[in-house]
Amino acid sequence: MSDDKNLNLAKQIASAAADLYHAILESTSTGIVTVDEDDLIVYANQEACRMWGYEPGELIGNPISLLLPTVSDPLSVHGRPLRRLRSIIGSEVDVEGKSREGKQVRVALSVRETTVGRSTLYTAALQDISDRLRYQDALIDAREQAEEVTRIRTALLTNVGHEIRTPLTGIRGFAEILIEESEGTQREFAQLIEKNSRRLLDTLNSVLELARLEAPVLTTSTTRIDLVQTMRDVAEIIVPTVPANSVEFTVESTHAGIIVDADPESVYSVLYNLIGNAVKFTSKGHVRASLFASPEQVLLIVEDTGVGIASDFLPRLFDEFSQESTGLTRDFEGSGLGLAITRRAVQILDGDIGVQSTKGEGTRFTVTLPMMAEVRGEPIFERVV
């Protein structure tokens, strides 16, 4: 009698365990399909039925190829889908199937082999990835379209830029001649023409430079350049814009020469825009450009005692066409592209750029470039203006 009780208790426990197992399979969000050695479905949970649009129980007895026709391709032996299922045991693959209504179903498939008595069963776990793949496809399409738009924009800007730059250069040249040969009102008009044509040309150059840096395929060249000499060259170009007698403009370096392998256009863009901005926004005090070379990196620091930047504007500082002062009454001219160009150029050089600023006191930009440098000579400190 005791043995009968134990047997009944064991049956109850086994039945409860089977019910629990079945409940888990029916409630999971993963499709579960089990087939026998004859390729016939012996079990399909509710999620598997939902994926393919069948009612519970309708799939039982049907071949697995009803759900996954691609499994029956030449990769299987004698057209038996189980051969391919068996080949992916322990791994996961993406396969395509068709629902009852003929809709494409894309799933991530993994297979496990189970022996029950003398029979071998193959259980497939199926995750519906149709939405994920559609989203990925949409992202790829959007990226390709964006790259095409960028390519067209770059080509258009380059072509239009050439058509505008050529006559502008001529206008500036004639304006400079008129400035030298004219007097009085005519000279003032010529100076105004030269000033505004230079401003327009600077804006055009900034737009073209940003378009170049943002091109889907950016062509750069790596050559050996002297950062100190490049900084000096930029300083000489910017000297005419430094307010006379009110701003001290200096350049300094830990060495007379700092030689690196880098893209010269990107280096020039960084130096020109940072130093140029510092000079433009400083009416008194000082502007200082400094280079520091260490064994593994080069630091460029440009600091000024200019107008400074409000803390709430700093997060937008490197955005395209971003200016703290806007509208027709703004205090400073410019396209708002200089720092956007600078950030992109720093990224091309695999560097980082940071900024510290206090409104009304000045600004300090720090560029870190991970470059091995060859250094020459003693430290330098030169007053440009």
Protein backbone atom coordinates (compact mmCIF):
# COMPACT_ATOMS: atom_id res chain seq x y z
CA MET A 1 0.00 0.00 0.00
CA SER A 2 2.86 2.28 0.84
CA ASP A 3 4.42 1.61 -2.60
CA ASP A 4 1.12 2.53 -4.32
CA LYS A 5 1.02 5.81 -2.41
CA ASN A 6 4.59 6.60 -3.39
CA LEU A 7 3.82 5.75 -7.01
CA ASN A 8 0.75 7.99 -7.03
CA LEU A 9 2.71 10.79 -5.41
CA ALA A 10 5.46 10.43 -8.00
CA LYS A 11 2.86 10.56 -10.78
CA GLN A 12 1.33 13.70 -9.29
CA ILE A 13 4.72 15.35 -9.03
CA ALA A 14 5.57 14.37 -12.61
CA SER A 15 2.18 15.63 -13.83
CA ALA A 16 2.62 18.93 -11.99
CA ALA A 17 6.11 19.32 -13.42
CA ALA A 18 4.80 18.58 -16.92
CA ASP A 19 2.00 21.14 -16.48
CA LEU A 20 4.48 23.73 -15.26
CA TYR A 21 6.84 23.02 -18.15
CA HIS A 22 3.96 23.27 -20.62
CA ALA A 23 2.76 26.54 -19.06
CA ILE A 24 6.24 28.01 -19.35
CA LEU A 25 6.53 27.02 -23.02
CA GLU A 26 3.10 28.42 -23.81
CA SER A 27 3.75 31.75 -22.10
CA THR A 28 7.24 32.49 -23.48
CA SER A 29 7.74 35.14 -26.17
CA THR A 30 10.04 32.74 -28.05
CA GLY A 31 8.56 30.45 -30.65
CA ILE A 32 9.23 26.77 -29.85
CA VAL A 33 8.83 24.06 -32.49
CA THR A 34 9.79 20.40 -32.02
CA VAL A 35 10.09 17.95 -34.92
CA ASP A 36 10.67 14.22 -35.01
CA GLU A 37 13.05 12.18 -37.13
CA ASP A 38 10.57 12.27 -40.02
CA ASP A 39 10.69 16.06 -40.19
CA LEU A 40 7.15 16.32 -38.83
CA ILE A 41 6.12 18.89 -36.22
CA VAL A 42 5.15 17.24 -32.96
CA TYR A 43 4.86 20.40 -30.90
CA ALA A 44 4.46 24.14 -31.53
CA ASN A 45 3.78 26.63 -28.76
CA GLN A 46 1.37 29.56 -28.99
CA GLU A 47 4.06 32.06 -29.97
CA ALA A 48 5.22 29.87 -32.88
CA CYS A 49 1.60 29.55 -34.07
CA ARG A 50 1.15 33.33 -33.78
CA MET A 51 4.29 34.04 -35.79
CA TRP A 52 3.03 32.03 -38.74
CA GLY A 53 -0.67 32.79 -38.37
CA TYR A 54 -1.91 29.34 -37.35
CA GLU A 55 -4.31 28.28 -34.66
CA PRO A 56 -2.97 26.13 -31.79
CA GLY A 57 -2.75 22.51 -32.89
CA GLU A 58 -2.92 23.19 -36.63
CA LEU A 59 0.80 22.73 -37.15
CA ILE A 60 1.00 19.30 -35.55
CA GLY A 61 1.83 16.63 -38.13
CA ASN A 62 2.98 19.11 -40.81
CA PRO A 63 6.54 19.11 -42.16
CA ILE A 64 8.90 21.79 -40.84
CA SER A 65 9.35 23.03 -44.43
CA LEU A 66 5.83 24.48 -44.18
CA LEU A 67 7.26 27.14 -41.89
CA LEU A 68 10.86 27.29 -43.03
CA PRO A 69 11.04 26.46 -46.74
CA THR A 70 14.57 27.83 -46.97
CA VAL A 71 15.70 25.08 -44.63
CA SER A 72 14.97 22.57 -47.40
CA ASP A 73 17.47 24.13 -49.83
CA PRO A 74 20.52 22.24 -51.20
CA LEU A 75 22.33 22.65 -47.90
CA SER A 76 20.16 19.79 -46.64
CA VAL A 77 20.72 16.15 -47.55
CA HIS A 78 18.10 14.64 -49.92
CA GLY A 79 15.96 17.71 -49.26
CA ARG A 80 15.52 16.80 -45.61
CA PRO A 81 15.28 20.00 -43.54
CA LEU A 82 16.44 18.16 -40.43
CA ARG A 83 19.88 17.85 -41.97
CA ARG A 84 20.30 21.59 -41.92
CA LEU A 85 18.74 21.93 -38.49
CA ARG A 86 21.20 19.35 -37.26
CA SER A 87 24.09 21.25 -38.84
CA ILE A 88 23.39 24.34 -36.77
CA ILE A 89 23.00 22.66 -33.40
CA GLY A 90 24.74 24.83 -30.83
CA SER A 91 24.76 27.95 -33.01
CA GLU A 92 22.27 30.57 -34.19
CA VAL A 93 21.37 31.58 -37.75
CA ASP A 94 18.92 33.98 -39.36
CA VAL A 95 16.44 32.28 -41.72
CA GLU A 96 13.36 33.26 -43.66
CA GLY A 97 9.95 31.61 -43.68
CA LYS A 98 6.43 32.39 -44.83
CA SER A 99 3.32 32.81 -42.75
CA ARG A 100 -0.02 31.22 -43.56
CA GLU A 101 -0.95 34.37 -45.52
CA GLY A 102 2.34 34.31 -47.45
CA LYS A 103 3.96 37.11 -45.42
CA GLN A 104 7.71 36.91 -44.99
CA VAL A 105 8.80 35.92 -41.49
CA ARG A 106 12.45 36.38 -40.53
CA VAL A 107 13.64 34.59 -37.45
CA ALA A 108 16.78 33.89 -35.47
CA LEU A 109 16.91 30.10 -35.22
CA SER A 110 18.76 27.88 -32.76
CA VAL A 111 18.35 24.10 -32.48
CA ARG A 112 18.81 21.54 -29.71
CA GLU A 113 18.78 17.76 -30.05
CA THR A 114 16.94 15.67 -27.44
CA THR A 115 16.68 11.90 -27.06
CA VAL A 116 13.39 10.57 -25.67
CA GLY A 117 13.55 6.80 -25.28
CA ARG A 118 14.65 5.50 -28.67
CA SER A 119 13.49 8.60 -30.53
CA THR A 120 15.45 11.71 -31.38
CA LEU A 121 13.68 15.07 -31.37
CA TYR A 122 14.90 18.41 -32.60
CA THR A 123 13.62 21.53 -30.86
CA ALA A 124 13.99 24.90 -32.58
CA ALA A 125 13.82 28.19 -30.68
CA LEU A 126 12.65 30.99 -32.96
CA GLN A 127 12.91 34.72 -32.29
CA ASP A 128 10.94 36.94 -34.67
CA ILE A 129 13.45 39.51 -35.94
CA SER A 130 11.37 40.87 -38.83
CA ASP A 131 10.83 44.27 -37.19
CA ARG A 132 14.47 44.52 -36.14
CA LEU A 133 15.72 43.73 -39.64
CA ARG A 134 13.23 46.13 -41.21
CA TYR A 135 14.51 48.80 -38.85
CA GLN A 136 18.11 47.97 -39.76
CA ASP A 137 17.26 48.09 -43.46
CA ALA A 138 15.57 51.46 -42.95
CA LEU A 139 18.66 52.75 -41.14
CA ILE A 140 20.90 51.56 -43.96
CA ASP A 141 18.65 53.20 -46.56
CA ALA A 142 18.55 56.43 -44.54
CA ARG A 143 22.34 56.43 -44.17
CA GLU A 144 22.85 55.83 -47.88
CA GLN A 145 20.40 58.61 -48.72
CA ALA A 146 22.12 60.97 -46.27
CA GLU A 147 25.51 60.13 -47.79
CA GLU A 148 24.14 60.77 -51.25
CA VAL A 149 22.69 64.11 -50.16
CA THR A 150 26.03 65.02 -48.57
CA ARG A 151 27.87 64.00 -51.73
CA ILE A 152 25.58 66.11 -53.92
CA ARG A 153 25.83 69.02 -51.48
CA THR A 154 29.62 68.82 -51.47
CA ALA A 155 29.79 68.66 -55.27
CA LEU A 156 27.35 71.55 -55.60
CA LEU A 157 29.17 73.70 -53.07
CA THR A 158 32.51 72.97 -54.70
CA ASN A 159 31.26 73.89 -58.17
CA VAL A 160 29.29 76.93 -57.05
CA GLY A 161 32.11 77.95 -54.75
CA HIS A 162 34.53 78.01 -57.66
CA GLU A 163 32.13 80.14 -59.70
CA ILE A 164 31.77 82.63 -56.83
CA ARG A 165 35.38 82.62 -55.62
CA THR A 166 36.87 83.47 -59.01
CA PRO A 167 34.97 86.76 -59.55
CA LEU A 168 35.30 87.64 -55.86
CA THR A 169 39.07 87.38 -56.12
CA GLY A 170 38.95 89.71 -59.10
CA ILE A 171 36.73 92.19 -57.25
CA ARG A 172 39.10 92.23 -54.29
CA GLY A 173 42.08 92.74 -56.57
CA PHE A 174 40.51 95.74 -58.32
CA ALA A 175 39.32 97.14 -54.97
CA GLU A 176 42.88 97.02 -53.64
CA ILE A 177 44.12 98.86 -56.72
CA LEU A 178 41.42 101.53 -56.24
CA ILE A 179 42.39 101.91 -52.59
CA GLU A 180 45.98 102.66 -53.60
CA GLU A 181 45.08 105.03 -56.44
CA SER A 182 42.01 106.82 -55.05
CA GLU A 183 41.40 109.47 -52.43
CA GLY A 184 38.55 110.75 -50.33
CA THR A 185 35.11 109.27 -50.84
CA GLN A 186 36.20 106.99 -53.68
CA ARG A 187 38.89 105.50 -51.45
CA GLU A 188 36.32 104.87 -48.69
CA PHE A 189 34.01 103.15 -51.19
CA ALA A 190 36.87 100.98 -52.43
CA GLN A 191 37.79 100.03 -48.85
CA LEU A 192 34.17 99.10 -48.19
CA ILE A 193 34.10 96.92 -51.32
CA GLU A 194 37.34 95.20 -50.31
CA LYS A 195 36.18 94.64 -46.73
CA ASN A 196 32.85 93.11 -47.65
CA SER A 197 34.24 91.00 -50.51
CA ARG A 198 36.85 89.63 -48.07
CA ARG A 199 34.08 88.86 -45.57
CA LEU A 200 32.06 87.07 -48.25
CA LEU A 201 35.12 85.13 -49.39
CA ASP A 202 35.89 84.08 -45.80
CA THR A 203 32.33 82.82 -45.37
CA LEU A 204 32.51 80.94 -48.67
CA ASN A 205 35.82 79.35 -47.68
CA SER A 206 34.35 78.28 -44.33
CA VAL A 207 31.33 76.65 -45.97
CA LEU A 208 33.53 74.84 -48.48
CA GLU A 209 35.94 73.68 -45.76
CA LEU A 210 33.09 72.30 -43.64
CA ALA A 211 31.64 70.53 -46.69
CA ARG A 212 35.06 69.00 -47.37
CA LEU A 213 35.46 67.80 -43.80
CA GLU A 214 31.96 66.28 -43.72
CA ALA A 215 32.22 64.51 -47.08
CA PRO A 216 31.32 60.75 -46.90
CA VAL A 217 34.76 59.94 -48.28
CA LEU A 218 37.32 62.39 -46.96
CA THR A 219 40.70 62.42 -48.62
CA THR A 220 43.49 63.47 -46.29
CA SER A 221 47.24 63.44 -46.64
CA THR A 222 49.72 62.72 -43.90
CA THR A 223 53.00 64.59 -44.20
CA ARG A 224 55.73 65.77 -41.86
CA ILE A 225 54.98 69.29 -40.70
CA ASP A 226 56.41 71.66 -38.13
CA LEU A 227 53.60 72.75 -35.81
CA VAL A 228 55.61 75.70 -34.51
CA GLN A 229 56.26 77.07 -38.00
CA THR A 230 52.63 76.52 -38.98
CA MET A 231 51.55 78.45 -35.87
CA ARG A 232 53.91 81.28 -36.84
CA ASP A 233 52.55 81.34 -40.40
CA VAL A 234 48.97 81.56 -39.12
CA ALA A 235 49.96 84.31 -36.70
CA GLU A 236 51.48 86.38 -39.51
CA ILE A 237 48.27 86.07 -41.55
CA ILE A 238 46.12 87.16 -38.60
CA VAL A 239 48.37 90.06 -37.47
CA PRO A 240 46.55 92.73 -39.56
CA THR A 241 43.30 92.04 -37.68
CA VAL A 242 44.84 92.50 -34.19
CA PRO A 243 43.66 95.75 -32.55
CA ALA A 244 46.65 98.10 -32.51
CA ASN A 245 48.13 99.15 -29.17
CA SER A 246 45.47 97.39 -27.09
CA VAL A 247 46.13 93.65 -27.52
CA GLU A 248 49.39 91.78 -26.91
CA PHE A 249 49.57 88.81 -29.27
CA THR A 250 52.19 86.15 -28.44
CA VAL A 251 53.12 82.65 -29.50
CA GLU A 252 55.15 80.23 -27.41
CA SER A 253 56.35 76.65 -27.52
CA THR A 254 58.31 74.20 -25.40
CA HIS A 255 60.62 73.74 -28.41
CA ALA A 256 61.69 75.77 -31.44
CA GLY A 257 60.46 72.95 -33.65
CA ILE A 258 57.77 70.30 -33.09
CA ILE A 259 57.69 67.93 -36.06
CA VAL A 260 54.74 65.54 -36.47
CA ASP A 261 53.13 63.39 -39.15
CA ALA A 262 49.65 64.83 -39.71
CA ASP A 263 47.17 66.17 -42.24
CA PRO A 264 48.41 69.73 -42.88
CA GLU A 265 44.98 71.11 -43.88
CA SER A 266 43.38 69.92 -40.66
CA VAL A 267 46.24 71.32 -38.56
CA TYR A 268 45.98 74.67 -40.36
CA SER A 269 42.19 74.77 -39.84
CA VAL A 270 42.57 74.21 -36.10
CA LEU A 271 45.25 76.89 -35.67
CA TYR A 272 43.64 79.45 -37.98
CA ASN A 273 40.15 79.23 -36.51
CA LEU A 274 41.17 79.16 -32.84
CA ILE A 275 43.71 81.98 -33.10
CA GLY A 276 41.48 83.97 -35.45
CA ASN A 277 38.52 83.69 -33.08
CA ALA A 278 40.65 84.71 -30.10
CA VAL A 279 41.80 87.85 -31.91
CA LYS A 280 38.32 88.70 -33.20
CA PHE A 281 36.71 88.55 -29.77
CA THR A 282 39.50 90.37 -27.88
CA SER A 283 39.62 94.16 -27.90
CA LYS A 284 42.15 94.59 -25.06
CA GLY A 285 44.47 92.44 -23.00
CA HIS A 286 46.25 89.51 -24.61
CA VAL A 287 45.95 86.58 -27.01
CA ARG A 288 48.39 83.71 -26.48
CA ALA A 289 48.91 80.58 -28.60
CA SER A 290 51.03 77.88 -26.97
CA LEU A 291 52.36 74.48 -28.02
CA PHE A 292 53.54 71.81 -25.57
CA ALA A 293 55.17 68.58 -26.72
CA SER A 294 55.46 65.45 -24.58
CA PRO A 295 56.54 61.92 -25.57
CA GLU A 296 53.01 60.78 -26.50
CA GLN A 297 51.00 63.89 -27.28
CA VAL A 298 51.00 67.53 -28.30
CA LEU A 299 48.92 70.19 -26.58
CA LEU A 300 47.75 73.38 -28.26
CA ILE A 301 46.36 76.05 -25.95
CA VAL A 302 44.83 79.28 -27.25
CA GLU A 303 43.71 81.72 -24.58
CA ASP A 304 42.47 85.28 -24.61
CA THR A 305 41.10 88.03 -22.39
CA GLY A 306 38.17 88.70 -24.70
CA VAL A 307 34.42 88.83 -24.22
CA GLY A 308 34.16 85.23 -22.97
CA ILE A 309 31.28 82.81 -23.48
CA ALA A 310 28.15 82.40 -21.36
CA SER A 311 27.95 79.02 -19.62
CA ASP A 312 24.52 78.24 -21.06
CA PHE A 313 25.88 78.68 -24.60
CA LEU A 314 28.87 76.36 -24.20
CA PRO A 315 26.91 73.16 -25.10
CA ARG A 316 26.10 74.70 -28.51
CA LEU A 317 29.49 76.25 -29.08
CA PHE A 318 30.64 73.74 -31.71
CA ASP A 319 27.33 73.54 -33.61
CA GLU A 320 27.23 74.68 -37.22
CA PHE A 321 26.15 78.32 -37.74
CA SER A 322 26.01 78.76 -33.97
CA GLN A 323 26.61 82.26 -32.60
CA GLU A 324 26.00 83.57 -29.11
CA SER A 325 25.09 87.00 -30.47
CA THR A 326 22.55 86.77 -33.30
CA GLY A 327 20.43 89.07 -35.44
CA LEU A 328 21.25 92.22 -37.34
CA THR A 329 22.47 93.95 -34.20
CA ARG A 330 25.04 91.32 -33.21
CA ASP A 331 28.39 92.63 -32.09
CA PHE A 332 30.65 90.40 -34.20
CA GLU A 333 30.54 89.35 -37.82
CA GLY A 334 30.98 85.76 -38.95
CA SER A 335 29.23 82.66 -40.25
CA GLY A 336 29.35 80.68 -37.02
CA LEU A 337 31.23 77.86 -38.76
CA GLY A 338 34.76 78.33 -37.43
CA LEU A 339 34.46 76.17 -34.32
CA ALA A 340 32.39 73.51 -36.11
CA ILE A 341 35.24 73.25 -38.62
CA THR A 342 37.76 73.17 -35.78
CA ARG A 343 36.04 70.31 -33.98
CA ARG A 344 35.79 68.24 -37.17
CA ALA A 345 39.45 68.89 -38.00
CA VAL A 346 40.46 67.85 -34.47
CA GLN A 347 38.45 64.64 -34.88
CA ILE A 348 40.25 63.90 -38.15
CA LEU A 349 43.51 64.26 -36.24
CA ASP A 350 42.17 61.79 -33.63
CA GLY A 351 42.37 64.51 -31.00
CA ASP A 352 40.12 66.14 -28.41
CA ILE A 353 39.13 69.76 -27.88
CA GLY A 354 37.94 71.39 -24.69
CA VAL A 355 36.98 74.90 -23.66
CA GLN A 356 36.94 76.94 -20.45
CA SER A 357 35.39 80.39 -20.47
CA THR A 358 34.05 83.08 -18.18
CA LYS A 359 31.77 85.74 -19.57
CA GLY A 360 33.55 89.10 -19.62
CA GLU A 361 36.94 87.63 -18.68
CA GLY A 362 38.15 85.44 -21.53
CA THR A 363 38.33 81.97 -23.05
CA ARG A 364 40.81 79.10 -23.14
CA PHE A 365 40.72 76.33 -25.77
CA THR A 366 42.80 73.20 -25.26
CA VAL A 367 43.46 70.76 -28.10
CA THR A 368 45.06 67.40 -27.32
CA LEU A 369 46.64 65.57 -30.24
CA PRO A 370 47.91 62.00 -29.64
CA MET A 371 51.04 62.33 -31.76
CA MET A 372 54.64 61.26 -31.45
CA ALA A 373 56.65 64.42 -32.04
CA GLU A 374 60.23 65.07 -33.02
CA VAL A 375 61.37 68.14 -31.08
CA ARG A 376 64.15 70.54 -31.87
CA GLY A 377 65.75 73.51 -30.15
CA GLU A 378 65.02 75.47 -27.02
CA PRO A 379 61.70 76.93 -25.83
CA ILE A 380 60.48 80.02 -27.64
CA PHE A 381 58.38 83.01 -26.61
CA GLU A 382 57.66 85.55 -29.34
CA ARG A 383 55.55 88.67 -29.28
CA VAL A 384 53.87 88.97 -32.66
CA VAL A 385 52.17 92.27 -31.88
